[in-house]
Amino acid sequence: MQHADNHIITLMKKIIYISFCFAVTYLSSAQEAQVTIEQDKKIEALLDLYRSALKTSDYYRIQVGFGSHAQAERIKANVEEDFPSLASKIDFDSPTYRVRVGKFKTKMEAERKFNEVRMKYPNAMLLKPKKSAN
């Protein structure tokens, strides 16, 4: 009789364990939800205004080189490696492609970076602000 009681206890433990595993699995999969965030329309209008201001803002840039499209691509790749924190861009100004970096709001900020860039690119030029669509 003792043997039968041990068998029943072992069987009950297995049933409880399987029930527990099933309950955990069921409860963890049943906790899915969908979250909807409603953004105030004024925020989107403010972001549009900010984007528009950035497009028409005056800023200084540094021109590091120019040449054919292939030359400009090589210069741009080198600049991105030498100064990864500076945004670089190739502008086409007939008949050459010009590699320009940075967008500096103040002359002081631009001159500081210009001095650093010029150590690596001695022919670099500091360009004064002008309105840009980019």
C-alpha atoms as a PDB file:
ATOM      1  CA  MET A   1       0.000   0.000   0.000  1.00  0.00           C
ATOM      2  CA  GLN A   2       2.915   2.308   0.736  1.00  0.00           C
ATOM      3  CA  HIS A   3       4.152   1.767  -2.811  1.00  0.00           C
ATOM      4  CA  ALA A   4       0.766   2.744  -4.268  1.00  0.00           C
ATOM      5  CA  ASP A   5       0.679   5.928  -2.180  1.00  0.00           C
ATOM      6  CA  ASN A   6       4.129   6.947  -3.457  1.00  0.00           C
ATOM      7  CA  HIS A   7       3.019   6.311  -7.012  1.00  0.00           C
ATOM      8  CA  ILE A   8      -0.100   8.460  -6.529  1.00  0.00           C
ATOM      9  CA  ILE A   9       1.951  11.278  -4.953  1.00  0.00           C
ATOM     10  CA  THR A  10       4.438  11.170  -7.839  1.00  0.00           C
ATOM     11  CA  LEU A  11       1.577  11.208 -10.336  1.00  0.00           C
ATOM     12  CA  MET A  12      -0.069  14.169  -8.545  1.00  0.00           C
ATOM     13  CA  LYS A  13       3.223  16.102  -8.601  1.00  0.00           C
ATOM     14  CA  LYS A  14       3.510  15.512 -12.354  1.00  0.00           C
ATOM     15  CA  ILE A  15      -0.068  16.660 -12.929  1.00  0.00           C
ATOM     16  CA  ILE A  16       0.477  19.804 -10.840  1.00  0.00           C
ATOM     17  CA  TYR A  17       3.755  20.550 -12.681  1.00  0.00           C
ATOM     18  CA  ILE A  18       2.155  20.092 -16.115  1.00  0.00           C
ATOM     19  CA  SER A  19      -0.820  22.241 -15.073  1.00  0.00           C
ATOM     20  CA  PHE A  20       1.526  24.955 -13.830  1.00  0.00           C
ATOM     21  CA  CYS A  21       3.516  24.917 -17.109  1.00  0.00           C
ATOM     22  CA  PHE A  22       0.307  25.094 -19.127  1.00  0.00           C
ATOM     23  CA  ALA A  23      -1.012  28.018 -17.041  1.00  0.00           C
ATOM     24  CA  VAL A  24       2.252  29.979 -17.393  1.00  0.00           C
ATOM     25  CA  THR A  25       2.331  29.391 -21.141  1.00  0.00           C
ATOM     26  CA  TYR A  26      -1.308  30.399 -21.548  1.00  0.00           C
ATOM     27  CA  LEU A  27      -1.026  33.521 -19.421  1.00  0.00           C
ATOM     28  CA  SER A  28       2.156  34.720 -21.102  1.00  0.00           C
ATOM     29  CA  SER A  29       0.637  34.431 -24.568  1.00  0.00           C
ATOM     30  CA  ALA A  30      -2.650  36.012 -23.510  1.00  0.00           C
ATOM     31  CA  GLN A  31      -1.043  39.318 -22.556  1.00  0.00           C
ATOM     32  CA  GLU A  32      -0.818  40.818 -25.998  1.00  0.00           C
ATOM     33  CA  ALA A  33      -2.150  44.321 -26.517  1.00  0.00           C
ATOM     34  CA  GLN A  34      -2.205  47.049 -29.096  1.00  0.00           C
ATOM     35  CA  VAL A  35      -1.113  50.537 -28.086  1.00  0.00           C
ATOM     36  CA  THR A  36      -2.328  53.533 -30.042  1.00  0.00           C
ATOM     37  CA  ILE A  37      -0.628  56.883 -29.568  1.00  0.00           C
ATOM     38  CA  GLU A  38      -2.472  59.952 -30.697  1.00  0.00           C
ATOM     39  CA  GLN A  39      -0.142  62.845 -31.422  1.00  0.00           C
ATOM     40  CA  ASP A  40      -1.396  66.379 -31.145  1.00  0.00           C
ATOM     41  CA  LYS A  41      -1.705  67.939 -34.613  1.00  0.00           C
ATOM     42  CA  LYS A  42       0.106  71.008 -33.320  1.00  0.00           C
ATOM     43  CA  ILE A  43       3.258  68.909 -32.853  1.00  0.00           C
ATOM     44  CA  GLU A  44       3.266  67.924 -36.522  1.00  0.00           C
ATOM     45  CA  ALA A  45       2.736  71.555 -37.525  1.00  0.00           C
ATOM     46  CA  LEU A  46       5.640  72.561 -35.292  1.00  0.00           C
ATOM     47  CA  LEU A  47       7.864  69.887 -36.848  1.00  0.00           C
ATOM     48  CA  ASP A  48       6.948  71.124 -40.336  1.00  0.00           C
ATOM     49  CA  LEU A  49       7.837  74.658 -39.319  1.00  0.00           C
ATOM     50  CA  TYR A  50      11.159  73.453 -37.890  1.00  0.00           C
ATOM     51  CA  ARG A  51      11.991  71.505 -41.063  1.00  0.00           C
ATOM     52  CA  SER A  52      11.138  74.531 -43.183  1.00  0.00           C
ATOM     53  CA  ALA A  53      13.367  76.777 -41.066  1.00  0.00           C
ATOM     54  CA  LEU A  54      16.256  74.354 -41.422  1.00  0.00           C
ATOM     55  CA  LYS A  55      15.943  74.359 -45.199  1.00  0.00           C
ATOM     56  CA  THR A  56      16.155  78.122 -45.470  1.00  0.00           C
ATOM     57  CA  SER A  57      18.640  78.809 -42.680  1.00  0.00           C
ATOM     58  CA  ASP A  58      21.932  80.517 -43.315  1.00  0.00           C
ATOM     59  CA  TYR A  59      24.989  78.477 -42.441  1.00  0.00           C
ATOM     60  CA  TYR A  60      28.693  78.271 -43.142  1.00  0.00           C
ATOM     61  CA  ARG A  61      30.157  75.328 -45.033  1.00  0.00           C
ATOM     62  CA  ILE A  62      33.659  74.146 -45.787  1.00  0.00           C
ATOM     63  CA  GLN A  63      34.583  73.180 -49.325  1.00  0.00           C
ATOM     64  CA  VAL A  64      37.331  70.559 -49.183  1.00  0.00           C
ATOM     65  CA  GLY A  65      37.824  69.876 -52.873  1.00  0.00           C
ATOM     66  CA  PHE A  66      36.377  69.724 -56.348  1.00  0.00           C
ATOM     67  CA  GLY A  67      36.815  68.010 -59.701  1.00  0.00           C
ATOM     68  CA  SER A  68      35.092  65.393 -61.828  1.00  0.00           C
ATOM     69  CA  HIS A  69      32.336  63.297 -60.340  1.00  0.00           C
ATOM     70  CA  ALA A  70      34.757  60.417 -59.716  1.00  0.00           C
ATOM     71  CA  GLN A  71      37.255  62.745 -58.035  1.00  0.00           C
ATOM     72  CA  ALA A  72      34.520  64.253 -55.891  1.00  0.00           C
ATOM     73  CA  GLU A  73      33.347  60.784 -54.818  1.00  0.00           C
ATOM     74  CA  ARG A  74      36.917  59.890 -53.746  1.00  0.00           C
ATOM     75  CA  ILE A  75      37.330  63.166 -51.853  1.00  0.00           C
ATOM     76  CA  LYS A  76      33.961  62.676 -50.137  1.00  0.00           C
ATOM     77  CA  ALA A  77      34.893  59.128 -49.082  1.00  0.00           C
ATOM     78  CA  ASN A  78      38.206  60.385 -47.649  1.00  0.00           C
ATOM     79  CA  VAL A  79      36.529  63.257 -45.803  1.00  0.00           C
ATOM     80  CA  GLU A  80      33.917  60.922 -44.314  1.00  0.00           C
ATOM     81  CA  GLU A  81      36.731  58.722 -43.034  1.00  0.00           C
ATOM     82  CA  ASP A  82      38.807  61.644 -41.712  1.00  0.00           C
ATOM     83  CA  PHE A  83      35.863  63.594 -40.227  1.00  0.00           C
ATOM     84  CA  PRO A  84      33.000  61.148 -39.598  1.00  0.00           C
ATOM     85  CA  SER A  85      31.062  63.640 -37.473  1.00  0.00           C
ATOM     86  CA  LEU A  86      30.770  66.147 -40.331  1.00  0.00           C
ATOM     87  CA  ALA A  87      27.963  65.790 -42.839  1.00  0.00           C
ATOM     88  CA  SER A  88      29.422  65.779 -46.346  1.00  0.00           C
ATOM     89  CA  LYS A  89      27.768  66.481 -49.663  1.00  0.00           C
ATOM     90  CA  ILE A  90      28.664  66.744 -53.326  1.00  0.00           C
ATOM     91  CA  ASP A  91      27.235  69.810 -55.071  1.00  0.00           C
ATOM     92  CA  PHE A  92      27.315  70.219 -58.831  1.00  0.00           C
ATOM     93  CA  ASP A  93      28.296  73.716 -59.912  1.00  0.00           C
ATOM     94  CA  SER A  94      28.894  73.533 -63.643  1.00  0.00           C
ATOM     95  CA  PRO A  95      31.330  72.293 -64.800  1.00  0.00           C
ATOM     96  CA  THR A  96      32.692  70.772 -61.583  1.00  0.00           C
ATOM     97  CA  TYR A  97      31.558  68.778 -58.602  1.00  0.00           C
ATOM     98  CA  ARG A  98      32.368  70.345 -55.243  1.00  0.00           C
ATOM     99  CA  VAL A  99      32.696  68.474 -51.960  1.00  0.00           C
ATOM    100  CA  ARG A 100      31.383  70.465 -49.019  1.00  0.00           C
ATOM    101  CA  VAL A 101      31.122  69.565 -45.360  1.00  0.00           C
ATOM    102  CA  GLY A 102      29.364  70.829 -42.270  1.00  0.00           C
ATOM    103  CA  LYS A 103      26.538  73.212 -41.549  1.00  0.00           C
ATOM    104  CA  PHE A 104      27.738  75.818 -39.092  1.00  0.00           C
ATOM    105  CA  LYS A 105      25.400  78.459 -37.675  1.00  0.00           C
ATOM    106  CA  THR A 106      28.140  80.759 -36.400  1.00  0.00           C
ATOM    107  CA  LYS A 107      31.314  82.001 -37.995  1.00  0.00           C
ATOM    108  CA  MET A 108      33.304  81.094 -34.875  1.00  0.00           C
ATOM    109  CA  GLU A 109      32.101  77.485 -34.957  1.00  0.00           C
ATOM    110  CA  ALA A 110      32.885  77.275 -38.683  1.00  0.00           C
ATOM    111  CA  GLU A 111      36.357  78.765 -38.300  1.00  0.00           C
ATOM    112  CA  ARG A 112      37.276  76.317 -35.545  1.00  0.00           C
ATOM    113  CA  LYS A 113      36.342  73.331 -37.676  1.00  0.00           C
ATOM    114  CA  PHE A 114      37.842  74.962 -40.780  1.00  0.00           C
ATOM    115  CA  ASN A 115      41.244  75.191 -39.067  1.00  0.00           C
ATOM    116  CA  GLU A 116      41.036  71.506 -38.194  1.00  0.00           C
ATOM    117  CA  VAL A 117      39.939  70.474 -41.705  1.00  0.00           C
ATOM    118  CA  ARG A 118      42.572  72.635 -43.348  1.00  0.00           C
ATOM    119  CA  MET A 119      45.357  70.706 -41.592  1.00  0.00           C
ATOM    120  CA  LYS A 120      44.288  67.618 -43.571  1.00  0.00           C
ATOM    121  CA  TYR A 121      42.978  69.445 -46.669  1.00  0.00           C
ATOM    122  CA  PRO A 122      45.174  72.542 -47.216  1.00  0.00           C
ATOM    123  CA  ASN A 123      43.118  73.758 -50.202  1.00  0.00           C
ATOM    124  CA  ALA A 124      39.895  73.846 -48.180  1.00  0.00           C
ATOM    125  CA  MET A 125      37.842  77.047 -48.296  1.00  0.00           C
ATOM    126  CA  LEU A 126      35.386  78.466 -45.779  1.00  0.00           C
ATOM    127  CA  LEU A 127      32.150  79.374 -47.564  1.00  0.00           C
ATOM    128  CA  LYS A 128      29.963  82.165 -46.277  1.00  0.00           C
ATOM    129  CA  PRO A 129      26.275  81.542 -45.557  1.00  0.00           C
ATOM    130  CA  LYS A 130      23.734  81.582 -48.294  1.00  0.00           C
ATOM    131  CA  LYS A 131      20.190  80.405 -48.569  1.00  0.00           C
ATOM    132  CA  SER A 132      19.964  76.746 -49.508  1.00  0.00           C
ATOM    133  CA  ALA A 133      17.185  74.366 -50.312  1.00  0.00           C
ATOM    134  CA  ASN A 134      19.189  71.476 -48.799  1.00  0.00           C
END
